Protein backbone atom coordinates (compact mmCIF):
# COMPACT_ATOMS: atom_id res chain seq x y z
CA MET A 1 5.17 40.81 58.54
CA THR A 2 3.48 38.49 60.91
CA ILE A 3 0.26 38.89 58.98
CA LEU A 4 1.92 38.08 55.63
CA ASN A 5 3.34 34.86 57.00
CA SER A 6 0.21 33.83 58.72
CA PRO A 7 -1.15 30.34 57.90
CA GLY A 8 -4.45 31.84 56.78
CA THR A 9 -2.88 34.05 54.06
CA GLY A 10 -0.69 31.24 52.81
CA ALA A 11 -3.68 28.95 52.50
CA ALA A 12 -5.50 31.52 50.40
CA GLU A 13 -2.61 31.72 47.89
CA ALA A 14 -2.13 27.99 47.50
CA PRO A 15 -5.10 27.30 45.18
CA GLY A 16 -3.83 29.85 42.70
CA ARG A 17 -0.36 28.36 42.68
CA SER A 18 -1.78 24.87 42.43
CA ALA A 19 -3.92 25.76 39.42
CA LEU A 20 -0.97 27.40 37.70
CA ARG A 21 1.16 24.22 38.31
CA PHE A 22 -1.69 22.07 37.10
CA TRP A 23 -2.09 23.90 33.77
CA ALA A 24 1.73 24.06 33.28
CA TRP A 25 2.03 20.29 33.83
CA LEU A 26 -0.97 19.67 31.66
CA GLY A 27 0.43 21.74 28.83
CA LEU A 28 3.76 20.01 29.11
CA GLY A 29 2.01 16.63 29.08
CA VAL A 30 0.06 17.50 25.95
CA VAL A 31 3.19 18.60 24.13
CA LEU A 32 5.08 15.48 25.09
CA ALA A 33 2.12 13.32 24.15
CA LEU A 34 1.93 14.96 20.67
CA LEU A 35 5.62 14.48 20.17
CA ALA A 36 5.42 10.84 21.27
CA ALA A 37 2.43 10.16 19.03
CA GLN A 38 4.12 11.71 16.06
CA GLY A 39 7.29 9.68 16.76
CA LEU A 40 5.36 6.48 17.06
CA CYS A 41 3.53 7.14 13.83
CA ARG A 42 6.75 7.78 11.97
CA GLU A 43 8.29 4.58 13.38
CA ALA A 44 5.14 2.59 12.44
CA VAL A 45 5.37 3.84 8.89
CA ARG A 46 9.08 3.18 8.65
CA GLY A 47 8.62 -0.30 9.94
CA LEU A 48 6.05 -1.21 7.29
CA GLY A 49 8.48 -0.78 4.41
CA ASP A 50 7.38 0.06 0.93
CA TYR A 51 4.34 -2.30 0.95
CA PRO A 52 1.81 -2.31 2.28
CA ARG A 53 1.79 1.35 3.16
CA ASN A 54 -0.47 0.57 6.08
CA PRO A 55 -2.96 -2.11 7.01
CA ASN A 56 -6.08 -0.23 6.03
CA PHE A 57 -4.69 1.24 2.77
CA ARG A 58 -5.59 4.88 3.37
CA ARG A 59 -2.91 6.39 5.59
CA GLY A 60 0.78 7.09 5.09
CA TRP A 61 0.94 8.05 1.43
CA PRO A 62 2.89 11.27 1.88
CA GLU A 63 5.40 9.38 4.08
CA TYR A 64 5.55 6.57 1.53
CA LEU A 65 6.46 8.96 -1.29
CA ALA A 66 9.02 10.81 0.87
CA ALA A 67 10.68 7.50 1.81
CA VAL A 68 11.42 6.53 -1.82
CA PRO A 69 15.25 6.40 -1.96
CA PRO A 70 17.11 9.04 -4.00
CA ARG A 71 17.65 8.04 -7.58
CA GLN A 72 20.98 6.29 -8.17
CA PRO A 73 23.30 7.02 -11.15
CA GLY A 74 22.19 4.99 -14.18
CA GLU A 75 18.90 3.88 -12.54
CA TRP A 76 15.78 3.64 -14.76
CA ARG A 77 12.90 4.68 -12.57
CA VAL A 78 9.27 3.92 -13.38
CA LEU A 79 6.18 5.04 -11.43
CA VAL A 80 3.05 2.85 -11.71
CA ILE A 81 -0.08 4.90 -10.96
CA ALA A 82 -3.07 2.57 -10.66
CA ASN A 83 -5.88 1.43 -8.47
CA SER A 84 -6.09 -1.57 -6.12
CA GLN A 85 -5.34 -4.00 -8.97
CA GLY A 86 -1.72 -3.00 -8.65
CA TYR A 87 -1.87 -3.00 -4.83
CA ALA A 88 -2.99 -6.67 -4.89
CA PRO A 89 -4.42 -6.86 -1.28
CA GLU A 90 -5.46 -10.50 -1.65
CA ILE A 91 -2.00 -11.96 -2.51
CA ASP A 92 1.61 -11.76 -1.31
CA PRO A 93 2.65 -8.16 -2.09
CA ARG A 94 5.91 -9.46 -3.56
CA LYS A 95 3.78 -11.06 -6.32
CA ALA A 96 2.00 -7.80 -7.38
CA TYR A 97 2.87 -6.85 -10.93
CA PRO A 98 4.77 -3.61 -10.19
CA ARG A 99 7.25 -5.59 -7.98
CA LEU A 100 7.45 -8.34 -10.59
CA LEU A 101 8.02 -5.80 -13.33
CA GLU A 102 11.01 -4.49 -11.48
CA GLN A 103 12.42 -7.97 -11.13
CA GLN A 104 11.82 -8.78 -14.81
CA LEU A 105 13.50 -5.62 -16.00
CA ARG A 106 16.54 -6.34 -13.85
CA ARG A 107 16.82 -9.79 -15.30
CA GLN A 108 16.77 -8.18 -18.69
CA GLY A 109 19.78 -6.05 -17.63
CA VAL A 110 17.84 -2.89 -16.93
CA PRO A 111 18.87 -1.26 -13.59
CA ALA A 112 15.24 -0.47 -12.85
CA ARG A 113 13.30 0.68 -9.82
CA VAL A 114 9.51 0.53 -10.03
CA VAL A 115 7.62 2.63 -7.53
CA ASN A 116 4.18 1.27 -6.78
CA GLY A 117 1.62 4.08 -6.67
CA SER A 118 -1.48 1.87 -6.65
CA VAL A 119 -4.29 3.43 -4.60
CA PRO A 120 -7.13 1.09 -3.56
CA ALA A 121 -10.51 2.56 -4.45
CA GLY A 122 -8.65 5.49 -5.87
CA ARG A 123 -10.67 8.21 -7.58
CA TYR A 124 -9.55 10.47 -10.33
CA PHE A 125 -8.23 13.13 -7.85
CA ASP A 126 -6.14 10.59 -5.90
CA LEU A 127 -4.34 9.57 -9.05
CA LEU A 128 -4.03 13.21 -10.18
CA LEU A 129 -2.28 13.98 -6.82
CA LEU A 130 0.12 11.09 -7.44
CA ALA A 131 0.82 12.42 -10.93
CA ALA A 132 1.76 15.83 -9.40
CA ALA A 133 3.89 14.20 -6.69
CA ALA A 134 5.88 12.29 -9.31
CA ARG A 135 8.02 15.36 -9.87
CA GLU A 136 9.92 14.78 -6.65
CA LEU A 137 10.47 11.12 -7.53
CA GLU A 138 12.59 11.98 -10.63
CA VAL A 139 11.02 9.20 -12.70
CA ASP A 140 11.97 8.36 -16.25
CA GLN A 141 8.57 7.00 -17.17
CA ILE A 142 5.04 6.92 -15.74
CA LEU A 143 2.63 4.09 -16.38
CA LEU A 144 -0.96 5.16 -15.75
CA VAL A 145 -2.87 1.86 -15.56
CA VAL A 146 -6.56 2.65 -15.62
CA SER A 147 -9.91 2.06 -17.26
CA THR A 148 -11.82 4.78 -19.17
CA GLY A 149 -14.21 4.99 -16.20
CA LEU A 150 -11.54 6.95 -14.31
CA PHE A 151 -12.18 9.97 -16.51
CA GLY A 152 -15.92 9.86 -15.89
CA ASP A 153 -16.22 9.62 -12.17
CA GLN A 154 -15.76 13.13 -10.81
CA SER A 155 -17.45 12.55 -7.44
CA VAL A 156 -16.02 14.62 -4.58
CA PRO A 157 -15.14 12.70 -1.40
CA ARG A 158 -15.67 14.47 1.93
CA PRO A 159 -13.75 13.71 5.13
CA GLY A 160 -15.96 12.11 7.79
CA ARG A 161 -18.77 11.35 5.31
CA GLU A 162 -17.51 9.92 2.03
CA GLY A 163 -13.94 9.18 2.91
CA TRP A 164 -10.95 9.84 0.70
CA ALA A 165 -9.34 6.68 -0.78
CA SER A 166 -5.98 7.94 0.57
CA ASP A 167 -4.47 10.79 2.59
CA LEU A 168 -2.75 12.22 -0.48
CA HIS A 169 -5.01 15.26 -0.22
CA HIS A 170 -2.86 16.43 2.70
CA LEU A 171 -0.22 17.33 0.12
CA LEU A 172 -2.54 20.23 -0.75
CA GLY A 173 -1.32 22.02 2.36
CA ASP A 174 1.74 22.99 0.33
CA GLY A 175 0.99 26.00 -1.81
CA GLU A 176 3.64 25.12 -4.36
CA PHE A 177 2.19 21.67 -4.78
CA ARG A 178 -1.33 23.06 -5.24
CA GLY A 179 0.04 25.17 -8.11
CA ARG A 180 0.82 22.00 -10.07
CA LEU A 181 -2.84 21.07 -10.25
CA PRO A 182 -5.66 22.43 -12.39
CA GLU A 183 -7.58 25.20 -10.55
CA ARG A 184 -10.83 23.61 -11.47
CA GLN A 185 -9.92 20.36 -9.77
CA VAL A 186 -8.56 22.05 -6.63
CA GLY A 187 -11.69 24.22 -6.42
CA LEU A 188 -13.92 21.18 -6.60
CA ARG A 189 -12.08 19.27 -3.95
CA LEU A 190 -10.75 21.80 -1.50
CA GLU A 191 -13.91 22.44 0.46
CA PRO A 192 -13.87 24.16 3.89
CA GLU A 193 -14.04 20.89 5.86
CA THR A 194 -11.16 19.46 3.81
CA GLU A 195 -9.07 22.59 4.43
CA ARG A 196 -9.80 22.24 8.20
CA GLU A 197 -8.73 18.60 8.05
CA ILE A 198 -5.49 19.55 6.40
CA ALA A 199 -4.87 22.48 8.71
CA LEU A 200 -5.47 20.30 11.84
CA ALA A 201 -3.05 17.65 10.51
CA ARG A 202 -0.33 20.30 10.01
CA VAL A 203 -0.63 21.41 13.67
CA LEU A 204 -1.19 17.86 14.97
CA PRO A 205 0.48 15.54 12.46
CA ALA A 206 -0.65 12.41 14.34
CA TRP A 207 -4.27 13.38 13.54
CA ARG A 208 -4.01 11.65 10.19
CA TRP A 209 -3.19 8.43 12.07
CA ARG A 210 -6.12 8.43 14.42
CA THR A 211 -7.53 5.24 12.85
CA TYR A 212 -4.13 3.52 12.72
CA PRO A 213 -4.19 1.65 16.04
CA ALA A 214 -7.53 -0.02 15.22
CA ALA A 215 -6.28 -0.90 11.73
CA ARG A 216 -3.22 -2.61 13.23
CA LEU A 217 -5.36 -4.59 15.61
CA ALA A 218 -7.56 -5.58 12.67
CA ARG A 219 -4.64 -7.64 11.27
CA ASP A 220 -4.97 -9.98 14.28
CA PRO A 221 -7.59 -12.69 13.61
CA PHE A 222 -9.24 -12.27 16.98
CA TRP A 223 -9.65 -8.44 16.79
CA ALA A 224 -10.51 -8.61 13.08
CA ARG A 225 -13.88 -10.20 14.02
CA LEU A 226 -14.69 -7.34 16.40
CA LEU A 227 -13.47 -4.28 14.58
CA PRO A 228 -15.00 -2.65 11.47
CA ARG A 229 -12.98 -3.27 8.33
CA GLU A 230 -11.84 -0.69 5.81
CA ARG A 231 -11.74 -2.09 2.35
CA GLY A 232 -11.05 -0.93 -1.16
CA GLY A 233 -11.51 -2.71 -4.42
CA ASP A 234 -14.24 -4.23 -6.55
CA GLY A 235 -17.68 -2.75 -5.93
CA VAL A 236 -16.58 0.45 -4.25
CA ARG A 237 -18.42 3.39 -5.73
CA GLY A 238 -15.93 5.85 -6.95
CA GLY A 239 -13.24 3.20 -7.18
CA LEU A 240 -11.81 1.80 -10.35
CA PRO A 241 -12.75 0.45 -12.77
CA MET A 242 -16.17 2.11 -13.25
CA GLY A 243 -16.74 0.51 -16.67
CA GLY A 244 -19.63 2.16 -18.44
CA ASP A 245 -21.22 3.68 -15.30
CA SER A 246 -20.05 7.26 -15.97
CA PRO A 247 -19.70 9.19 -19.20
CA PHE A 248 -16.15 9.85 -20.34
CA GLN A 249 -14.97 13.42 -19.76
CA GLN A 250 -12.42 14.64 -22.26
CA GLU A 251 -11.54 17.63 -20.02
CA ALA A 252 -10.50 15.25 -17.19
CA LEU A 253 -8.17 13.32 -19.58
CA GLU A 254 -6.62 16.63 -20.78
CA GLU A 255 -6.02 17.80 -17.22
CA MET A 256 -4.44 14.51 -16.21
CA ALA A 257 -2.25 14.62 -19.33
CA ARG A 258 -0.95 18.11 -18.46
CA VAL A 259 -0.04 17.17 -14.89
CA LEU A 260 1.62 13.90 -15.98
CA LYS A 261 3.67 15.58 -18.73
CA ALA A 262 4.82 18.33 -16.31
CA SER A 263 6.16 15.64 -13.97
CA CYS A 264 7.70 13.35 -16.58
CA PRO A 265 7.96 13.63 -20.38
CA GLU A 266 7.56 9.90 -20.93
CA VAL A 267 3.97 8.87 -20.05
CA VAL A 268 2.16 5.71 -21.07
CA VAL A 269 -1.56 5.13 -20.50
CA VAL A 270 -2.19 1.38 -20.05
CA ARG A 271 -5.77 0.23 -20.35
CA MET A 272 -6.00 -2.10 -17.41
CA PRO A 273 -6.84 -5.85 -17.65
CA LEU A 274 -10.48 -6.57 -16.96
CA HIS A 275 -12.66 -9.67 -16.54
CA SER A 276 -14.90 -10.27 -19.56
CA ALA A 277 -18.00 -9.50 -17.45
CA ARG A 278 -16.69 -6.05 -16.73
CA ARG A 279 -15.64 -5.49 -20.36
CA ARG A 280 -19.20 -6.23 -21.49
CA MET A 281 -20.45 -3.26 -19.41
CA GLY A 282 -19.18 -0.99 -22.14
CA GLY A 283 -17.46 2.30 -21.96
CA LEU A 284 -15.44 4.39 -24.40
CA SER A 285 -14.14 2.26 -27.30
CA MET A 286 -10.47 1.31 -27.22
CA ASN A 287 -9.70 2.92 -30.55
CA LEU A 288 -11.22 6.27 -29.61
CA PHE A 289 -9.58 6.31 -26.17
CA ALA A 290 -6.15 5.43 -27.73
CA ALA A 291 -6.59 8.19 -30.35
CA GLN A 292 -7.40 10.76 -27.67
CA CYS A 293 -4.39 9.73 -25.52
CA ARG A 294 -2.03 9.92 -28.47
CA GLN A 295 -3.44 13.29 -29.52
CA LEU A 296 -2.38 14.56 -26.06
CA GLY A 297 1.17 13.20 -26.41
CA LEU A 298 0.59 10.07 -24.28
CA GLU A 299 1.67 6.69 -25.47
CA PHE A 300 -1.08 4.06 -25.21
CA TRP A 301 -0.86 0.32 -24.49
CA ASP A 302 -3.97 -1.86 -24.40
CA ALA A 303 -4.01 -4.67 -21.81
CA GLU A 304 -7.78 -4.98 -21.40
CA ASN A 305 -7.96 -8.46 -22.91
CA LEU A 306 -4.61 -9.62 -21.68
CA VAL A 307 -5.62 -11.70 -18.65
CA PRO A 308 -8.03 -14.68 -19.01
CA ASP A 309 -11.01 -14.79 -16.71
CA ARG A 310 -9.60 -17.74 -14.72
CA GLU A 311 -6.82 -15.49 -13.43
CA PHE A 312 -9.14 -12.88 -11.95
CA ILE A 313 -10.53 -12.47 -8.45
CA GLY A 314 -13.78 -10.64 -9.12
CA HIS A 315 -13.91 -8.19 -12.05
CA SER A 316 -10.55 -6.40 -11.71
CA HIS A 317 -8.38 -7.92 -9.03
CA MET A 318 -6.05 -10.63 -10.30
CA LYS A 319 -4.62 -13.87 -8.94
CA ALA A 320 -0.83 -14.30 -8.82
CA ALA A 321 -0.86 -15.81 -12.31
CA GLY A 322 -2.55 -12.65 -13.65
CA HIS A 323 0.13 -10.48 -12.03
CA ARG A 324 2.89 -12.57 -13.56
CA ARG A 325 1.28 -12.34 -16.99
CA MET A 326 0.87 -8.50 -16.62
CA ALA A 327 4.50 -8.06 -15.45
CA GLN A 328 5.88 -10.07 -18.36
CA TRP A 329 3.69 -8.19 -20.85
CA LEU A 330 4.83 -4.78 -19.54
CA ALA A 331 8.44 -5.83 -19.48
CA GLY A 332 8.15 -6.87 -23.12
CA HIS A 333 7.33 -3.28 -24.04
CA PHE A 334 10.64 -2.03 -22.56
CA GLN A 335 12.73 -4.25 -24.76
């Protein structure tokens, strides 16, 4: 008994107990840190409202879609699926045409809600994911506002190398959601590194937000000069519109049509407004594109020549006047 209680024996046992306490506290700290990080991310997304989703465009799309309010009785709900032209990063977001369209329809007596699904630098697959996600939004009509180049660019983005335009690919972690998409498209995009990225984000949800603090700081003029900027829009390879760069793929249009029609029976393909310099680059003729859309059961509206060059910023982004013109033109089709 004297030996068991001797100072020497107690000193020998202390390191083991200390190590155990250290790892226990470390594990608890990691768990608490993960919970805190996830809570902060959710609060940050909630505080941003419906626009912009986040300061660097890419993160928060699953949360944005989940935060769309439940449909109200009598509400006419429209989803705009587009590229950065509808996101309008250069102007007041309240002046982007999806928001103006909602206001215009309400002035016409239509109890409308227009959900803005405009993905800056969005590739075909980003918009295909939005089309599949539209099922939960219970929309009455989908407006797919694109150029024909969308159906030619089938490049595959890779996390960490050629970044995704959005984090919508994390929806692929749901097996039921994957089943809504063409197997060919999922097979092309769901590479092992993408699967690892999705799996890690499911275990550690805050992983998707690892670039968020820097993006928030980038909104401050001082830090904006020091931090790298993420951008989407004109000139981004794989973004829209691609004009005549890539050959049109009929199969891509057919796949998009099937996913859209499964989410909503009323689908309109709108050929997006373009600056005359971009229109001269060519691409599939309007008549042929319109005929192919209608053959697949999609309504077609042509807005390519709608906006004069003076109302553009670059080749596809529009000034506030261009957004007003686009909203009025779209609203006229609902009368």
